[in-house]
Amino acid sequence: MADTLWDEYEVSPVEIALPGGKVGLTLRAYRPASALTPTDVSDREDDDDVFDHKLRRPIGLDGEEELPEFQWTKEALDEVAAAPAEDEVAERVVEAAEEEADEESADAAEPGDEEVPVFLSHKGKLLLFASAKGLADFVRSNAPHDLKQLDGWAKLAKKIKAEDVVAGDDDAFELDLVVENLRGGPDAWDPELLLRAGEIARDISYALRLKPVIVSLAPGSPLDDLDEALRATEEGGLGSFFAKRKLRKIGAEQASIGWRSIIGKISGAVDWRD
């Protein structure tokens, strides 16, 4: 019954594990960008530009042991990338981020049919529920959230019961394990874990308009290069051989610090319920 319900309305329960032993449930859907109104982030303070002045500052912790801020230095970019020429990575990442921003502006002016993610969120915050009952009770209430704009949402909300809110294997993400896995170095890296983390982080950052995360995982960025190398190793063949060599050149410490920053940004954009 549950699978039929979610398939009918093209919405899926999602489970996300975050550091600190917190595991929450939310809902995710994909719809054409032209059919969605982005979440309202007018009350959010402007995100720092991750490339503004930080390229010339040393890597350092922000005073919090759990999730320090990642400072993008030329040295870090060179170490995380696969032996590029000096300054090439920084320039490539900035160019990719600017191109993506230009594309987003063009899409906003001329909405296309590309499907984009939308979550159970409100005012730039991802709503995560500690229990299936809490989520079901919430969606049946009249509380505001971003999924209300979906066609057929009112009908779906009335049908959702606690027993329906179960995330499938493809919709369960363990962000709490990412940093520890990266610290183990290339030989210990779990491609499925890391690639799936990239998937959900990209979706959340797009839906919640988290600019620092969007830029950190943008095409051409060091962490996107990491994803590409991991994906190539999974595909096998000759490309896998070269990808494994590339992975060994990637700095485990810098990759883990980068992901700690991403997870910190996502954690900071979560509104925990019940």
Protein backbone atom coordinates (compact mmCIF):
# COMPACT_ATOMS: atom_id res chain seq x y z
CA MET A 1 0.00 0.00 0.00
CA ALA A 2 2.72 2.46 0.99
CA ASP A 3 4.77 1.99 -2.19
CA THR A 4 1.66 2.39 -4.31
CA LEU A 5 0.78 5.58 -2.45
CA TRP A 6 4.19 7.15 -2.93
CA ASP A 7 4.44 6.03 -6.55
CA GLU A 8 1.03 7.47 -7.35
CA TYR A 9 1.96 10.94 -6.10
CA GLU A 10 5.69 10.72 -6.96
CA VAL A 11 6.85 11.61 -3.46
CA SER A 12 9.25 9.52 -1.35
CA PRO A 13 10.06 9.21 2.36
CA VAL A 14 13.74 9.88 3.02
CA GLU A 15 15.83 8.94 6.06
CA ILE A 16 18.94 10.97 6.89
CA ALA A 17 21.46 10.14 9.61
CA LEU A 18 23.49 13.09 10.87
CA PRO A 19 26.36 13.33 13.38
CA GLY A 20 25.44 13.01 17.03
CA GLY A 21 23.28 9.93 16.58
CA LYS A 22 20.41 11.91 15.06
CA VAL A 23 18.30 10.16 12.44
CA GLY A 24 15.35 11.93 10.88
CA LEU A 25 12.61 11.37 8.33
CA THR A 26 11.46 13.81 5.67
CA LEU A 27 9.87 13.74 2.21
CA ARG A 28 11.43 14.42 -1.18
CA ALA A 29 9.98 14.88 -4.65
CA TYR A 30 11.25 15.90 -8.08
CA ARG A 31 9.30 18.32 -10.24
CA PRO A 32 10.00 20.57 -13.25
CA ALA A 33 11.73 23.74 -12.08
CA SER A 34 9.06 25.80 -13.83
CA ALA A 35 6.38 24.25 -11.60
CA LEU A 36 8.05 25.12 -8.29
CA THR A 37 8.45 28.23 -6.19
CA PRO A 38 11.82 28.08 -4.39
CA THR A 39 11.83 27.99 -0.62
CA ASP A 40 11.80 31.43 0.99
CA VAL A 41 15.22 32.31 2.41
CA SER A 42 14.62 36.03 2.82
CA ASP A 43 15.20 35.76 6.58
CA ARG A 44 18.50 33.94 6.19
CA GLU A 45 21.75 35.84 6.59
CA ASP A 46 23.79 35.95 3.41
CA ASP A 47 26.05 32.94 3.09
CA ASP A 48 29.75 33.68 2.96
CA ASP A 49 31.33 33.28 -0.43
CA VAL A 50 33.59 30.27 0.11
CA PHE A 51 36.07 31.71 -2.39
CA ASP A 52 36.08 35.23 -1.01
CA HIS A 53 39.44 35.90 0.73
CA LYS A 54 39.63 32.33 2.04
CA LEU A 55 41.87 31.18 -0.80
CA ARG A 56 44.66 33.10 0.88
CA ARG A 57 44.00 32.06 4.44
CA PRO A 58 45.36 28.92 6.08
CA ILE A 59 43.17 25.98 6.92
CA GLY A 60 41.96 26.15 10.48
CA LEU A 61 39.17 25.05 12.79
CA ASP A 62 36.40 27.46 13.71
CA GLY A 63 36.64 26.59 17.37
CA GLU A 64 34.06 23.81 17.27
CA GLU A 65 35.44 20.31 17.53
CA GLU A 66 32.51 18.64 15.81
CA LEU A 67 32.16 20.46 12.50
CA PRO A 68 34.92 22.96 11.72
CA GLU A 69 34.67 25.33 8.80
CA PHE A 70 36.67 24.32 5.75
CA GLN A 71 38.95 27.09 4.52
CA TRP A 72 39.69 26.70 0.80
CA THR A 73 43.40 27.43 0.31
CA LYS A 74 45.38 26.92 -2.84
CA GLU A 75 47.31 24.20 -1.04
CA ALA A 76 44.10 22.38 -0.09
CA LEU A 77 42.72 22.62 -3.59
CA ASP A 78 45.98 21.32 -5.07
CA GLU A 79 46.08 18.42 -2.61
CA VAL A 80 42.46 17.37 -3.13
CA ALA A 81 42.67 17.59 -6.92
CA ALA A 82 44.70 15.12 -8.93
CA ALA A 83 47.98 16.96 -9.39
CA PRO A 84 46.78 19.90 -11.54
CA ALA A 85 48.91 22.91 -12.40
CA GLU A 86 49.25 25.65 -9.80
CA ASP A 87 46.07 27.78 -9.40
CA GLU A 88 44.29 25.69 -12.04
CA VAL A 89 41.93 24.04 -9.55
CA ALA A 90 40.89 27.26 -7.86
CA GLU A 91 40.25 28.94 -11.20
CA ARG A 92 38.36 25.91 -12.51
CA VAL A 93 36.16 25.69 -9.42
CA VAL A 94 35.35 29.39 -9.44
CA GLU A 95 34.55 29.28 -13.16
CA ALA A 96 32.30 26.24 -12.69
CA ALA A 97 30.47 27.92 -9.81
CA GLU A 98 30.00 31.11 -11.81
CA GLU A 99 28.75 29.17 -14.82
CA GLU A 100 26.27 27.30 -12.63
CA ALA A 101 25.08 30.57 -11.11
CA ASP A 102 24.63 32.02 -14.62
CA GLU A 103 22.68 28.94 -15.67
CA GLU A 104 20.46 29.19 -12.60
CA SER A 105 19.79 32.86 -13.36
CA ALA A 106 18.91 31.97 -16.95
CA ASP A 107 16.64 29.18 -15.77
CA ALA A 108 14.92 31.58 -13.37
CA ALA A 109 14.31 33.99 -16.23
CA GLU A 110 13.20 31.25 -18.62
CA PRO A 111 11.99 28.27 -16.58
CA GLY A 112 12.71 24.95 -18.22
CA ASP A 113 11.44 21.43 -17.75
CA GLU A 114 14.45 20.07 -15.87
CA GLU A 115 13.31 18.18 -12.79
CA VAL A 116 14.70 19.52 -9.53
CA PRO A 117 14.39 18.35 -5.91
CA VAL A 118 11.94 19.75 -3.38
CA PHE A 119 11.71 18.61 0.25
CA LEU A 120 9.40 18.85 3.21
CA SER A 121 10.93 22.18 4.14
CA HIS A 122 9.94 25.68 5.19
CA LYS A 123 11.73 29.03 4.88
CA GLY A 124 15.04 27.45 3.94
CA LYS A 125 14.95 24.82 6.69
CA LEU A 126 14.76 21.06 6.12
CA LEU A 127 12.08 19.58 8.36
CA LEU A 128 13.33 16.31 9.90
CA PHE A 129 11.12 14.18 12.12
CA ALA A 130 12.34 11.77 14.76
CA SER A 131 9.35 9.51 14.21
CA ALA A 132 7.10 8.44 11.37
CA LYS A 133 4.07 9.39 13.46
CA GLY A 134 5.39 12.90 13.91
CA LEU A 135 5.84 13.34 10.17
CA ALA A 136 2.42 11.89 9.36
CA ASP A 137 0.71 14.11 11.94
CA PHE A 138 2.50 17.15 10.59
CA VAL A 139 1.57 16.68 6.93
CA ARG A 140 -2.07 16.12 7.88
CA SER A 141 -2.06 19.41 9.78
CA ASN A 142 -2.43 22.83 8.23
CA ALA A 143 1.17 23.83 8.96
CA PRO A 144 2.99 25.62 6.12
CA HIS A 145 5.73 23.89 4.11
CA ASP A 146 7.13 23.78 0.58
CA LEU A 147 5.47 20.53 -0.55
CA LYS A 148 2.04 22.13 -0.34
CA GLN A 149 2.62 23.59 -3.80
CA LEU A 150 2.67 20.13 -5.42
CA ASP A 151 -0.32 19.11 -7.51
CA GLY A 152 -2.37 16.58 -5.58
CA TRP A 153 -0.65 17.30 -2.28
CA ALA A 154 -3.89 17.81 -0.33
CA LYS A 155 -5.11 14.36 -1.37
CA LEU A 156 -1.80 12.71 -0.53
CA ALA A 157 -1.58 14.40 2.88
CA LYS A 158 -4.96 13.03 3.89
CA LYS A 159 -3.89 9.47 3.05
CA ILE A 160 -0.49 9.37 4.77
CA LYS A 161 -0.32 7.22 7.90
CA ALA A 162 2.62 6.57 10.18
CA GLU A 163 3.09 3.04 8.81
CA ASP A 164 3.49 4.49 5.30
CA VAL A 165 6.51 6.60 6.26
CA VAL A 166 9.28 4.09 5.61
CA ALA A 167 12.35 5.03 3.57
CA GLY A 168 13.52 2.46 1.05
CA ASP A 169 17.16 1.41 0.72
CA ASP A 170 17.69 3.96 -2.05
CA ASP A 171 16.30 6.76 0.12
CA ALA A 172 18.34 6.18 3.30
CA PHE A 173 21.51 8.26 3.64
CA GLU A 174 24.25 7.97 6.26
CA LEU A 175 25.91 11.37 6.38
CA ASP A 176 27.13 10.55 9.87
CA LEU A 177 29.59 7.98 8.49
CA VAL A 178 31.13 10.09 5.71
CA VAL A 179 33.88 11.91 7.59
CA GLU A 180 35.08 8.82 9.45
CA ASN A 181 35.20 6.87 6.20
CA LEU A 182 37.20 9.57 4.43
CA ARG A 183 39.70 9.72 7.27
CA GLY A 184 40.61 6.10 6.57
CA GLY A 185 42.23 7.01 3.26
CA PRO A 186 41.59 5.80 -0.32
CA ASP A 187 41.91 2.10 0.51
CA ALA A 188 39.08 2.38 3.05
CA TRP A 189 36.78 4.69 1.10
CA ASP A 190 33.30 3.34 0.47
CA PRO A 191 32.21 4.57 -3.00
CA GLU A 192 28.53 3.82 -2.47
CA LEU A 193 28.44 5.67 0.86
CA LEU A 194 30.28 8.71 -0.48
CA LEU A 195 28.44 8.92 -3.81
CA ARG A 196 25.07 8.66 -2.10
CA ALA A 197 26.15 11.37 0.35
CA GLY A 198 26.93 13.56 -2.62
CA GLU A 199 23.50 12.87 -4.09
CA ILE A 200 21.54 13.90 -1.02
CA ALA A 201 23.84 16.85 -0.24
CA ARG A 202 23.37 18.24 -3.75
CA ASP A 203 19.61 17.80 -3.56
CA ILE A 204 19.35 19.46 -0.15
CA SER A 205 21.64 22.33 -1.09
CA TYR A 206 19.64 23.03 -4.24
CA ALA A 207 16.26 22.80 -2.55
CA LEU A 208 17.32 24.88 0.47
CA ARG A 209 19.49 27.25 -1.59
CA LEU A 210 22.62 26.58 0.45
CA LYS A 211 25.15 28.40 -1.71
CA PRO A 212 28.33 27.26 0.06
CA VAL A 213 27.36 23.60 -0.37
CA ILE A 214 26.31 24.12 -4.00
CA VAL A 215 29.70 25.65 -4.77
CA SER A 216 31.67 23.04 -2.81
CA LEU A 217 30.08 20.23 -4.84
CA ALA A 218 29.78 22.06 -8.15
CA PRO A 219 31.17 20.48 -11.35
CA GLY A 220 34.91 21.01 -11.42
CA SER A 221 35.28 21.36 -7.66
CA PRO A 222 37.76 19.13 -5.81
CA LEU A 223 35.00 17.20 -4.04
CA ASP A 224 33.18 16.70 -7.33
CA ASP A 225 36.44 15.37 -8.77
CA LEU A 226 36.49 12.92 -5.86
CA ASP A 227 32.99 11.77 -6.80
CA GLU A 228 33.99 11.32 -10.43
CA ALA A 229 37.00 9.20 -9.48
CA LEU A 230 34.89 7.07 -7.13
CA ARG A 231 32.27 6.61 -9.83
CA ALA A 232 34.92 5.52 -12.31
CA THR A 233 36.28 2.91 -9.90
CA GLU A 234 32.77 1.50 -9.55
CA GLU A 235 32.34 1.20 -13.31
CA GLY A 236 35.49 -0.88 -13.70
CA GLY A 237 37.57 -1.28 -16.85
CA LEU A 238 40.64 0.74 -17.84
CA GLY A 239 39.08 3.91 -16.47
CA SER A 240 38.89 2.25 -13.09
CA PHE A 241 42.66 1.68 -13.06
CA PHE A 242 43.43 5.35 -13.63
CA ALA A 243 40.69 6.42 -11.22
CA LYS A 244 42.25 4.36 -8.44
CA ARG A 245 45.59 6.05 -9.08
CA LYS A 246 43.85 9.41 -8.93
CA LEU A 247 42.16 8.55 -5.64
CA ARG A 248 45.53 7.80 -4.05
CA LYS A 249 46.62 11.36 -4.82
CA ILE A 250 43.62 12.90 -3.09
CA GLY A 251 44.27 14.17 0.41
CA ALA A 252 42.14 12.25 2.89
CA GLU A 253 42.45 15.01 5.49
CA GLN A 254 41.32 17.78 3.16
CA ALA A 255 38.47 15.70 1.74
CA SER A 256 37.24 14.88 5.24
CA ILE A 257 37.47 18.51 6.36
CA GLY A 258 35.58 19.60 3.26
CA TRP A 259 32.81 17.14 3.96
CA ARG A 260 32.68 18.12 7.63
CA SER A 261 31.95 21.65 6.49
CA ILE A 262 29.23 20.49 4.10
CA ILE A 263 27.56 18.35 6.76
CA GLY A 264 27.83 21.24 9.18
CA LYS A 265 26.01 23.53 6.74
CA ILE A 266 23.29 20.93 6.21
CA SER A 267 22.94 20.27 9.94
CA GLY A 268 22.60 23.98 10.52
CA ALA A 269 19.74 24.13 8.04
CA VAL A 270 17.72 21.38 9.76
CA ASP A 271 14.59 22.07 11.80
CA TRP A 272 14.16 19.02 14.04
CA ARG A 273 10.57 18.16 14.88
CA ASP A 274 8.94 15.90 17.53
